[in-house]
Amino acid sequence: MTEYADHPILDHRARLERSQFEAAERRERALIDQRSPDNTPEMRIRSWEKLHQLRLPKDPAHAILRVVAQQTALQLNEVLEVQKSRATPAD
């Protein structure tokens, strides 16, 4: 039992605060992952997609690609390469 077991409202508040803290930690980890030089461009872009719950657009002229490049610390040509590799069917 928690230290707040006799106080359901305090127990609920403590669980809620813990949940919010853990969500903030996960978001911070995702932000680090999407910029980490240890990760490949594909991995960084997947982290970006997961964090923002979006898919990389297929249009190579889409304006969001510059934002993806900036937020993943990649060059635009690296983002375009990932986009191109996804469009090419695997053999």
N, C-alpha and C. Protein backbone atom coordinates (compact mmCIF):
# COMPACT_ATOMS: atom_id res chain seq x y z
N MET A 1 0.83 -1.19 0.00
CA MET A 1 0.00 0.00 0.00
C MET A 1 0.87 1.25 0.00
N THR A 2 0.33 2.30 -0.56
CA THR A 2 1.08 3.55 -0.57
C THR A 2 0.91 4.28 0.75
N GLU A 3 1.73 5.30 0.93
CA GLU A 3 1.63 6.06 2.16
C GLU A 3 0.33 6.86 2.24
N TYR A 4 -0.37 6.99 1.12
CA TYR A 4 -1.62 7.73 1.07
C TYR A 4 -2.85 6.83 1.06
N ALA A 5 -2.70 5.58 1.41
CA ALA A 5 -3.79 4.61 1.29
C ALA A 5 -5.03 5.02 2.08
N ASP A 6 -4.84 5.75 3.16
CA ASP A 6 -5.99 6.17 3.96
C ASP A 6 -6.64 7.42 3.40
N HIS A 7 -6.03 8.01 2.37
CA HIS A 7 -6.54 9.25 1.77
C HIS A 7 -6.67 9.05 0.26
N PRO A 8 -7.82 8.55 -0.19
CA PRO A 8 -7.97 8.22 -1.63
C PRO A 8 -7.68 9.40 -2.56
N ILE A 9 -8.04 10.60 -2.17
CA ILE A 9 -7.81 11.75 -3.04
C ILE A 9 -6.31 12.03 -3.15
N LEU A 10 -5.60 11.98 -2.04
CA LEU A 10 -4.15 12.19 -2.07
C LEU A 10 -3.45 11.08 -2.84
N ASP A 11 -3.93 9.84 -2.66
CA ASP A 11 -3.35 8.70 -3.39
C ASP A 11 -3.54 8.90 -4.89
N HIS A 12 -4.74 9.30 -5.29
CA HIS A 12 -5.02 9.55 -6.71
C HIS A 12 -4.13 10.68 -7.23
N ARG A 13 -4.00 11.74 -6.46
CA ARG A 13 -3.17 12.87 -6.87
C ARG A 13 -1.71 12.43 -7.03
N ALA A 14 -1.22 11.62 -6.12
CA ALA A 14 0.16 11.14 -6.20
C ALA A 14 0.35 10.28 -7.45
N ARG A 15 -0.61 9.40 -7.75
CA ARG A 15 -0.51 8.57 -8.95
C ARG A 15 -0.54 9.43 -10.21
N LEU A 16 -1.41 10.43 -10.21
CA LEU A 16 -1.52 11.33 -11.36
C LEU A 16 -0.21 12.10 -11.57
N GLU A 17 0.34 12.63 -10.49
CA GLU A 17 1.61 13.35 -10.60
C GLU A 17 2.72 12.43 -11.10
N ARG A 18 2.75 11.22 -10.62
CA ARG A 18 3.77 10.24 -11.05
C ARG A 18 3.61 9.94 -12.54
N SER A 19 2.37 9.77 -12.96
CA SER A 19 2.09 9.48 -14.36
C SER A 19 2.53 10.65 -15.25
N GLN A 20 2.25 11.86 -14.83
CA GLN A 20 2.65 13.04 -15.59
C GLN A 20 4.18 13.17 -15.65
N PHE A 21 4.83 12.87 -14.54
CA PHE A 21 6.29 12.91 -14.49
C PHE A 21 6.87 11.88 -15.46
N GLU A 22 6.33 10.67 -15.46
CA GLU A 22 6.83 9.63 -16.35
C GLU A 22 6.59 9.99 -17.82
N ALA A 23 5.44 10.60 -18.12
CA ALA A 23 5.16 11.02 -19.50
C ALA A 23 6.16 12.09 -19.94
N ALA A 24 6.48 13.01 -19.05
CA ALA A 24 7.46 14.06 -19.37
C ALA A 24 8.84 13.45 -19.60
N GLU A 25 9.20 12.44 -18.80
CA GLU A 25 10.48 11.76 -19.00
C GLU A 25 10.53 11.04 -20.34
N ARG A 26 9.43 10.38 -20.72
CA ARG A 26 9.38 9.69 -22.02
C ARG A 26 9.52 10.69 -23.17
N ARG A 27 8.85 11.83 -23.05
CA ARG A 27 8.93 12.85 -24.09
C ARG A 27 10.36 13.39 -24.20
N GLU A 28 10.98 13.64 -23.07
CA GLU A 28 12.36 14.13 -23.07
C GLU A 28 13.30 13.11 -23.72
N ARG A 29 13.10 11.84 -23.41
CA ARG A 29 13.92 10.77 -24.01
C ARG A 29 13.71 10.73 -25.53
N ALA A 30 12.46 10.89 -25.96
CA ALA A 30 12.15 10.89 -27.39
C ALA A 30 12.81 12.07 -28.09
N LEU A 31 12.81 13.23 -27.45
CA LEU A 31 13.46 14.41 -28.03
C LEU A 31 14.96 14.18 -28.17
N ILE A 32 15.55 13.54 -27.19
CA ILE A 32 16.98 13.23 -27.25
C ILE A 32 17.25 12.22 -28.37
N ASP A 33 16.42 11.17 -28.45
CA ASP A 33 16.60 10.14 -29.47
C ASP A 33 16.50 10.70 -30.88
N GLN A 34 15.59 11.64 -31.10
CA GLN A 34 15.39 12.14 -32.45
C GLN A 34 16.55 13.04 -32.91
N ARG A 35 17.42 13.44 -32.01
CA ARG A 35 18.57 14.27 -32.38
C ARG A 35 19.91 13.58 -32.15
N SER A 36 19.89 12.39 -31.60
CA SER A 36 21.13 11.72 -31.21
C SER A 36 21.99 11.35 -32.42
N PRO A 37 23.24 11.79 -32.42
CA PRO A 37 24.14 11.41 -33.51
C PRO A 37 24.45 9.91 -33.51
N ASP A 38 24.12 9.22 -32.41
CA ASP A 38 24.32 7.77 -32.35
C ASP A 38 23.26 7.02 -33.16
N ASN A 39 22.17 7.71 -33.50
CA ASN A 39 21.08 7.08 -34.27
C ASN A 39 21.22 7.42 -35.75
N THR A 40 20.83 6.48 -36.58
CA THR A 40 20.84 6.70 -38.03
C THR A 40 19.76 7.71 -38.39
N PRO A 41 19.84 8.31 -39.58
CA PRO A 41 18.76 9.21 -40.01
C PRO A 41 17.39 8.52 -39.97
N GLU A 42 17.32 7.26 -40.38
CA GLU A 42 16.05 6.52 -40.34
C GLU A 42 15.53 6.43 -38.91
N MET A 43 16.40 6.12 -37.97
CA MET A 43 15.99 6.00 -36.57
C MET A 43 15.53 7.35 -36.01
N ARG A 44 16.25 8.40 -36.37
CA ARG A 44 15.87 9.74 -35.89
C ARG A 44 14.50 10.13 -36.43
N ILE A 45 14.28 9.85 -37.71
CA ILE A 45 12.99 10.20 -38.32
C ILE A 45 11.88 9.36 -37.72
N ARG A 46 12.13 8.07 -37.46
CA ARG A 46 11.11 7.24 -36.80
C ARG A 46 10.79 7.79 -35.41
N SER A 47 11.81 8.26 -34.69
CA SER A 47 11.57 8.87 -33.37
C SER A 47 10.72 10.12 -33.52
N TRP A 48 11.03 10.93 -34.52
CA TRP A 48 10.24 12.14 -34.78
C TRP A 48 8.78 11.78 -35.09
N GLU A 49 8.60 10.77 -35.94
CA GLU A 49 7.25 10.34 -36.31
C GLU A 49 6.47 9.86 -35.08
N LYS A 50 7.12 9.10 -34.25
CA LYS A 50 6.47 8.57 -33.06
C LYS A 50 6.10 9.70 -32.09
N LEU A 51 7.04 10.60 -31.90
CA LEU A 51 6.82 11.72 -30.99
C LEU A 51 5.66 12.59 -31.44
N HIS A 52 5.59 12.86 -32.74
CA HIS A 52 4.56 13.75 -33.28
C HIS A 52 3.34 13.02 -33.83
N GLN A 53 3.40 11.71 -33.81
CA GLN A 53 2.32 10.87 -34.32
C GLN A 53 1.95 11.26 -35.75
N LEU A 54 3.00 11.42 -36.55
CA LEU A 54 2.86 11.75 -37.97
C LEU A 54 3.79 10.86 -38.77
N ARG A 55 3.49 10.70 -40.05
CA ARG A 55 4.37 9.98 -40.96
C ARG A 55 5.09 11.00 -41.84
N LEU A 56 6.28 10.66 -42.23
CA LEU A 56 7.04 11.50 -43.15
C LEU A 56 6.24 11.57 -44.46
N PRO A 57 5.97 12.77 -44.97
CA PRO A 57 5.19 12.85 -46.21
C PRO A 57 5.97 12.29 -47.40
N LYS A 58 5.26 11.87 -48.41
CA LYS A 58 5.89 11.30 -49.61
C LYS A 58 6.33 12.36 -50.60
N ASP A 59 5.76 13.55 -50.51
CA ASP A 59 6.08 14.64 -51.43
C ASP A 59 7.44 15.25 -51.05
N PRO A 60 8.44 15.16 -51.95
CA PRO A 60 9.76 15.69 -51.64
C PRO A 60 9.79 17.22 -51.53
N ALA A 61 8.73 17.89 -51.92
CA ALA A 61 8.68 19.35 -51.81
C ALA A 61 7.85 19.80 -50.60
N HIS A 62 7.38 18.86 -49.80
CA HIS A 62 6.53 19.20 -48.66
C HIS A 62 7.30 20.09 -47.68
N ALA A 63 6.67 21.14 -47.20
CA ALA A 63 7.31 22.11 -46.31
C ALA A 63 7.75 21.52 -44.97
N ILE A 64 7.07 20.49 -44.50
CA ILE A 64 7.39 19.91 -43.19
C ILE A 64 8.77 19.24 -43.18
N LEU A 65 9.29 18.89 -44.35
CA LEU A 65 10.58 18.21 -44.41
C LEU A 65 11.71 19.06 -43.82
N ARG A 66 11.63 20.36 -44.01
CA ARG A 66 12.64 21.26 -43.42
C ARG A 66 12.52 21.26 -41.89
N VAL A 67 11.31 21.18 -41.39
CA VAL A 67 11.08 21.13 -39.94
C VAL A 67 11.62 19.81 -39.39
N VAL A 68 11.36 18.72 -40.11
CA VAL A 68 11.87 17.41 -39.69
C VAL A 68 13.39 17.45 -39.64
N ALA A 69 14.00 18.02 -40.66
CA ALA A 69 15.46 18.11 -40.69
C ALA A 69 15.98 18.90 -39.49
N GLN A 70 15.36 20.02 -39.22
CA GLN A 70 15.81 20.85 -38.11
C GLN A 70 15.63 20.12 -36.77
N GLN A 71 14.47 19.51 -36.56
CA GLN A 71 14.18 18.88 -35.28
C GLN A 71 14.95 17.57 -35.07
N THR A 72 15.44 16.99 -36.13
CA THR A 72 16.21 15.75 -36.01
C THR A 72 17.72 15.99 -36.13
N ALA A 73 18.10 17.26 -36.32
CA ALA A 73 19.50 17.64 -36.50
C ALA A 73 20.12 16.94 -37.71
N LEU A 74 19.31 16.78 -38.75
CA LEU A 74 19.77 16.19 -40.01
C LEU A 74 19.80 17.28 -41.08
N GLN A 75 20.54 17.00 -42.12
CA GLN A 75 20.50 17.87 -43.30
C GLN A 75 19.26 17.49 -44.10
N LEU A 76 18.71 18.46 -44.83
CA LEU A 76 17.53 18.19 -45.64
C LEU A 76 17.78 17.03 -46.61
N ASN A 77 18.96 16.96 -47.19
CA ASN A 77 19.24 15.87 -48.14
C ASN A 77 19.19 14.51 -47.44
N GLU A 78 19.54 14.44 -46.14
CA GLU A 78 19.44 13.17 -45.40
C GLU A 78 17.98 12.77 -45.21
N VAL A 79 17.13 13.74 -44.94
CA VAL A 79 15.70 13.46 -44.79
C VAL A 79 15.15 13.00 -46.13
N LEU A 80 15.56 13.66 -47.21
CA LEU A 80 15.10 13.27 -48.54
C LEU A 80 15.57 11.86 -48.91
N GLU A 81 16.77 11.49 -48.47
CA GLU A 81 17.28 10.13 -48.73
C GLU A 81 16.42 9.09 -48.02
N VAL A 82 16.05 9.36 -46.78
CA VAL A 82 15.17 8.42 -46.04
C VAL A 82 13.83 8.34 -46.76
N GLN A 83 13.32 9.47 -47.16
CA GLN A 83 12.04 9.51 -47.88
C GLN A 83 12.13 8.69 -49.17
N LYS A 84 13.22 8.86 -49.90
CA LYS A 84 13.43 8.15 -51.16
C LYS A 84 13.56 6.63 -50.90
N SER A 85 14.31 6.26 -49.87
CA SER A 85 14.49 4.84 -49.59
C SER A 85 13.18 4.17 -49.20
N ARG A 86 12.31 4.90 -48.56
CA ARG A 86 11.00 4.35 -48.19
C ARG A 86 10.12 4.17 -49.42
N ALA A 87 10.30 5.02 -50.40
CA ALA A 87 9.49 4.93 -51.63
C ALA A 87 9.96 3.83 -52.56
N THR A 88 11.22 3.42 -52.41
CA THR A 88 11.78 2.38 -53.25
C THR A 88 11.43 1.02 -52.67
N PRO A 89 10.77 0.16 -53.46
CA PRO A 89 10.42 -1.16 -52.93
C PRO A 89 11.68 -1.99 -52.65
N ALA A 90 11.64 -2.72 -51.55
CA ALA A 90 12.77 -3.59 -51.22
C ALA A 90 12.82 -4.79 -52.16
N ASP A 91 14.02 -5.18 -52.53
CA ASP A 91 14.18 -6.34 -53.44
C ASP A 91 14.05 -7.63 -52.70
